[in-house]
Amino acid sequence: MFVQPNSPADRAGLQQGDVLVDFNGQPVGTIDELHKHLACQEIDVQ
């Protein structure tokens, strides 16, 4: 994964090469599953 500098992911400590296995306690096996979880959440961007 690529982490955009100064993005919420960067501020959360994600690094290039990290693998997401869950999102808010829900398993993520594919990028489509991650997109589904993200679409159902309100993302706090400051």
PDB file of N, CA and C in Angstrom:
ATOM      1  N   MET A   1       0.839  -1.155   0.000  1.00  0.00           N
ATOM      2  CA  MET A   1       0.000   0.000   0.000  1.00  0.00           C
ATOM      3  C   MET A   1       0.888   1.222   0.000  1.00  0.00           C
ATOM      4  N   PHE A   2       0.449   2.283  -0.665  1.00  0.00           N
ATOM      5  CA  PHE A   2       1.128   3.574  -0.642  1.00  0.00           C
ATOM      6  C   PHE A   2       0.431   4.451   0.376  1.00  0.00           C
ATOM      7  N   VAL A   3       1.205   5.133   1.214  1.00  0.00           N
ATOM      8  CA  VAL A   3       0.645   6.020   2.226  1.00  0.00           C
ATOM      9  C   VAL A   3       1.004   7.457   1.852  1.00  0.00           C
ATOM     10  N   GLN A   4      -0.007   8.242   1.550  1.00  0.00           N
ATOM     11  CA  GLN A   4       0.184   9.643   1.185  1.00  0.00           C
ATOM     12  C   GLN A   4       0.703  10.418   2.392  1.00  0.00           C
ATOM     13  N   PRO A   5       1.797  11.166   2.245  1.00  0.00           N
ATOM     14  CA  PRO A   5       2.308  11.963   3.370  1.00  0.00           C
ATOM     15  C   PRO A   5       1.244  12.925   3.906  1.00  0.00           C
ATOM     16  N   ASN A   6       1.200  13.063   5.222  1.00  0.00           N
ATOM     17  CA  ASN A   6       0.270  13.947   5.935  1.00  0.00           C
ATOM     18  C   ASN A   6      -1.197  13.554   5.782  1.00  0.00           C
ATOM     19  N   SER A   7      -1.466  12.342   5.323  1.00  0.00           N
ATOM     20  CA  SER A   7      -2.842  11.857   5.200  1.00  0.00           C
ATOM     21  C   SER A   7      -3.288  11.266   6.543  1.00  0.00           C
ATOM     22  N   PRO A   8      -4.585  11.013   6.703  1.00  0.00           N
ATOM     23  CA  PRO A   8      -5.033  10.349   7.931  1.00  0.00           C
ATOM     24  C   PRO A   8      -4.308   9.018   8.166  1.00  0.00           C
ATOM     25  N   ALA A   9      -4.042   8.270   7.096  1.00  0.00           N
ATOM     26  CA  ALA A   9      -3.321   7.001   7.245  1.00  0.00           C
ATOM     27  C   ALA A   9      -1.910   7.234   7.754  1.00  0.00           C
ATOM     28  N   ASP A  10      -1.253   8.256   7.220  1.00  0.00           N
ATOM     29  CA  ASP A  10       0.101   8.597   7.672  1.00  0.00           C
ATOM     30  C   ASP A  10       0.084   9.007   9.137  1.00  0.00           C
ATOM     31  N   ARG A  11      -0.852   9.845   9.511  1.00  0.00           N
ATOM     32  CA  ARG A  11      -0.943  10.297  10.908  1.00  0.00           C
ATOM     33  C   ARG A  11      -1.295   9.147  11.847  1.00  0.00           C
ATOM     34  N   ALA A  12      -1.971   8.115  11.331  1.00  0.00           N
ATOM     35  CA  ALA A  12      -2.318   6.951  12.155  1.00  0.00           C
ATOM     36  C   ALA A  12      -1.151   5.974  12.283  1.00  0.00           C
ATOM     37  N   GLY A  13      -0.084   6.223  11.510  1.00  0.00           N
ATOM     38  CA  GLY A  13       1.095   5.370  11.625  1.00  0.00           C
ATOM     39  C   GLY A  13       1.199   4.262  10.595  1.00  0.00           C
ATOM     40  N   LEU A  14       0.300   4.223   9.607  1.00  0.00           N
ATOM     41  CA  LEU A  14       0.420   3.209   8.558  1.00  0.00           C
ATOM     42  C   LEU A  14       1.659   3.498   7.732  1.00  0.00           C
ATOM     43  N   GLN A  15       2.302   2.422   7.270  1.00  0.00           N
ATOM     44  CA  GLN A  15       3.518   2.554   6.481  1.00  0.00           C
ATOM     45  C   GLN A  15       3.391   1.752   5.204  1.00  0.00           C
ATOM     46  N   GLN A  16       4.152   2.178   4.178  1.00  0.00           N
ATOM     47  CA  GLN A  16       4.154   1.445   2.929  1.00  0.00           C
ATOM     48  C   GLN A  16       4.506  -0.007   3.196  1.00  0.00           C
ATOM     49  N   GLY A  17       3.745  -0.909   2.620  1.00  0.00           N
ATOM     50  CA  GLY A  17       3.972  -2.339   2.812  1.00  0.00           C
ATOM     51  C   GLY A  17       3.095  -2.954   3.881  1.00  0.00           C
ATOM     52  N   ASP A  18       2.448  -2.126   4.704  1.00  0.00           N
ATOM     53  CA  ASP A  18       1.519  -2.663   5.699  1.00  0.00           C
ATOM     54  C   ASP A  18       0.367  -3.376   5.001  1.00  0.00           C
ATOM     55  N   VAL A  19      -0.181  -4.383   5.651  1.00  0.00           N
ATOM     56  CA  VAL A  19      -1.313  -5.137   5.121  1.00  0.00           C
ATOM     57  C   VAL A  19      -2.480  -4.967   6.083  1.00  0.00           C
ATOM     58  N   LEU A  20      -3.606  -4.478   5.569  1.00  0.00           N
ATOM     59  CA  LEU A  20      -4.807  -4.328   6.390  1.00  0.00           C
ATOM     60  C   LEU A  20      -5.523  -5.668   6.469  1.00  0.00           C
ATOM     61  N   VAL A  21      -5.810  -6.121   7.678  1.00  0.00           N
ATOM     62  CA  VAL A  21      -6.517  -7.390   7.856  1.00  0.00           C
ATOM     63  C   VAL A  21      -7.899  -7.181   8.450  1.00  0.00           C
ATOM     64  N   ASP A  22      -8.124  -5.990   9.083  1.00  0.00           N
ATOM     65  CA  ASP A  22      -9.467  -5.674   9.554  1.00  0.00           C
ATOM     66  C   ASP A  22      -9.651  -4.165   9.588  1.00  0.00           C
ATOM     67  N   PHE A  23     -10.903  -3.769   9.616  1.00  0.00           N
ATOM     68  CA  PHE A  23     -11.273  -2.358   9.672  1.00  0.00           C
ATOM     69  C   PHE A  23     -12.378  -2.240  10.703  1.00  0.00           C
ATOM     70  N   ASN A  24     -12.094  -1.536  11.797  1.00  0.00           N
ATOM     71  CA  ASN A  24     -13.059  -1.417  12.905  1.00  0.00           C
ATOM     72  C   ASN A  24     -13.550  -2.779  13.381  1.00  0.00           C
ATOM     73  N   GLY A  25     -12.631  -3.738  13.439  1.00  0.00           N
ATOM     74  CA  GLY A  25     -12.972  -5.060  13.944  1.00  0.00           C
ATOM     75  C   GLY A  25     -13.633  -5.989  12.943  1.00  0.00           C
ATOM     76  N   GLN A  26     -13.841  -5.511  11.708  1.00  0.00           N
ATOM     77  CA  GLN A  26     -14.448  -6.340  10.661  1.00  0.00           C
ATOM     78  C   GLN A  26     -13.341  -6.830   9.723  1.00  0.00           C
ATOM     79  N   PRO A  27     -13.331  -8.131   9.412  1.00  0.00           N
ATOM     80  CA  PRO A  27     -12.269  -8.658   8.551  1.00  0.00           C
ATOM     81  C   PRO A  27     -12.286  -8.022   7.159  1.00  0.00           C
ATOM     82  N   VAL A  28     -11.083  -7.823   6.618  1.00  0.00           N
ATOM     83  CA  VAL A  28     -10.919  -7.294   5.268  1.00  0.00           C
ATOM     84  C   VAL A  28     -10.021  -8.267   4.518  1.00  0.00           C
ATOM     85  N   GLY A  29     -10.583  -8.929   3.524  1.00  0.00           N
ATOM     86  CA  GLY A  29      -9.816  -9.897   2.750  1.00  0.00           C
ATOM     87  C   GLY A  29      -9.447  -9.398   1.363  1.00  0.00           C
ATOM     88  N   THR A  30     -10.190  -8.396   0.882  1.00  0.00           N
ATOM     89  CA  THR A  30      -9.938  -7.861  -0.461  1.00  0.00           C
ATOM     90  C   THR A  30     -10.086  -6.345  -0.438  1.00  0.00           C
ATOM     91  N   ILE A  31      -9.590  -5.704  -1.477  1.00  0.00           N
ATOM     92  CA  ILE A  31      -9.732  -4.255  -1.588  1.00  0.00           C
ATOM     93  C   ILE A  31     -11.203  -3.875  -1.703  1.00  0.00           C
ATOM     94  N   ASP A  32     -12.014  -4.721  -2.339  1.00  0.00           N
ATOM     95  CA  ASP A  32     -13.451  -4.443  -2.449  1.00  0.00           C
ATOM     96  C   ASP A  32     -14.119  -4.429  -1.074  1.00  0.00           C
ATOM     97  N   GLU A  33     -13.705  -5.339  -0.202  1.00  0.00           N
ATOM     98  CA  GLU A  33     -14.254  -5.356   1.158  1.00  0.00           C
ATOM     99  C   GLU A  33     -13.850  -4.094   1.915  1.00  0.00           C
ATOM    100  N   LEU A  34     -12.597  -3.654   1.736  1.00  0.00           N
ATOM    101  CA  LEU A  34     -12.154  -2.423   2.386  1.00  0.00           C
ATOM    102  C   LEU A  34     -12.973  -1.240   1.888  1.00  0.00           C
ATOM    103  N   HIS A  35     -13.172  -1.138   0.581  1.00  0.00           N
ATOM    104  CA  HIS A  35     -13.978  -0.045   0.026  1.00  0.00           C
ATOM    105  C   HIS A  35     -15.396  -0.074   0.591  1.00  0.00           C
ATOM    106  N   LYS A  36     -15.960  -1.256   0.743  1.00  0.00           N
ATOM    107  CA  LYS A  36     -17.309  -1.379   1.305  1.00  0.00           C
ATOM    108  C   LYS A  36     -17.341  -0.832   2.733  1.00  0.00           C
ATOM    109  N   HIS A  37     -16.351  -1.189   3.541  1.00  0.00           N
ATOM    110  CA  HIS A  37     -16.287  -0.693   4.916  1.00  0.00           C
ATOM    111  C   HIS A  37     -16.115   0.825   4.939  1.00  0.00           C
ATOM    112  N   LEU A  38     -15.238   1.329   4.078  1.00  0.00           N
ATOM    113  CA  LEU A  38     -14.989   2.768   4.042  1.00  0.00           C
ATOM    114  C   LEU A  38     -16.225   3.538   3.606  1.00  0.00           C
ATOM    115  N   ALA A  39     -16.965   2.992   2.662  1.00  0.00           N
ATOM    116  CA  ALA A  39     -18.164   3.668   2.173  1.00  0.00           C
ATOM    117  C   ALA A  39     -19.236   3.759   3.245  1.00  0.00           C
ATOM    118  N   CYS A  40     -19.172   2.873   4.207  1.00  0.00           N
ATOM    119  CA  CYS A  40     -20.172   2.840   5.277  1.00  0.00           C
ATOM    120  C   CYS A  40     -19.741   3.650   6.499  1.00  0.00           C
ATOM    121  N   GLN A  41     -18.592   4.254   6.455  1.00  0.00           N
ATOM    122  CA  GLN A  41     -18.059   4.986   7.593  1.00  0.00           C
ATOM    123  C   GLN A  41     -17.903   6.464   7.247  1.00  0.00           C
ATOM    124  N   GLU A  42     -18.006   7.308   8.247  1.00  0.00           N
ATOM    125  CA  GLU A  42     -17.689   8.711   8.071  1.00  0.00           C
ATOM    126  C   GLU A  42     -16.225   8.877   8.436  1.00  0.00           C
ATOM    127  N   ILE A  43     -15.431   9.376   7.493  1.00  0.00           N
ATOM    128  CA  ILE A  43     -14.001   9.523   7.699  1.00  0.00           C
ATOM    129  C   ILE A  43     -13.713  10.939   8.174  1.00  0.00           C
ATOM    130  N   ASP A  44     -12.984  11.034   9.272  1.00  0.00           N
ATOM    131  CA  ASP A  44     -12.638  12.329   9.849  1.00  0.00           C
ATOM    132  C   ASP A  44     -11.371  12.858   9.192  1.00  0.00           C
ATOM    133  N   VAL A  45     -11.518  13.785   8.262  1.00  0.00           N
ATOM    134  CA  VAL A  45     -10.381  14.395   7.592  1.00  0.00           C
ATOM    135  C   VAL A  45     -10.252  15.821   8.087  1.00  0.00           C
ATOM    136  N   GLN A  46      -9.085  16.139   8.624  1.00  0.00           N
ATOM    137  CA  GLN A  46      -8.859  17.489   9.156  1.00  0.00           C
ATOM    138  C   GLN A  46      -7.828  18.219   8.347  1.00  0.00           C
TER     139      GLN A  46
END
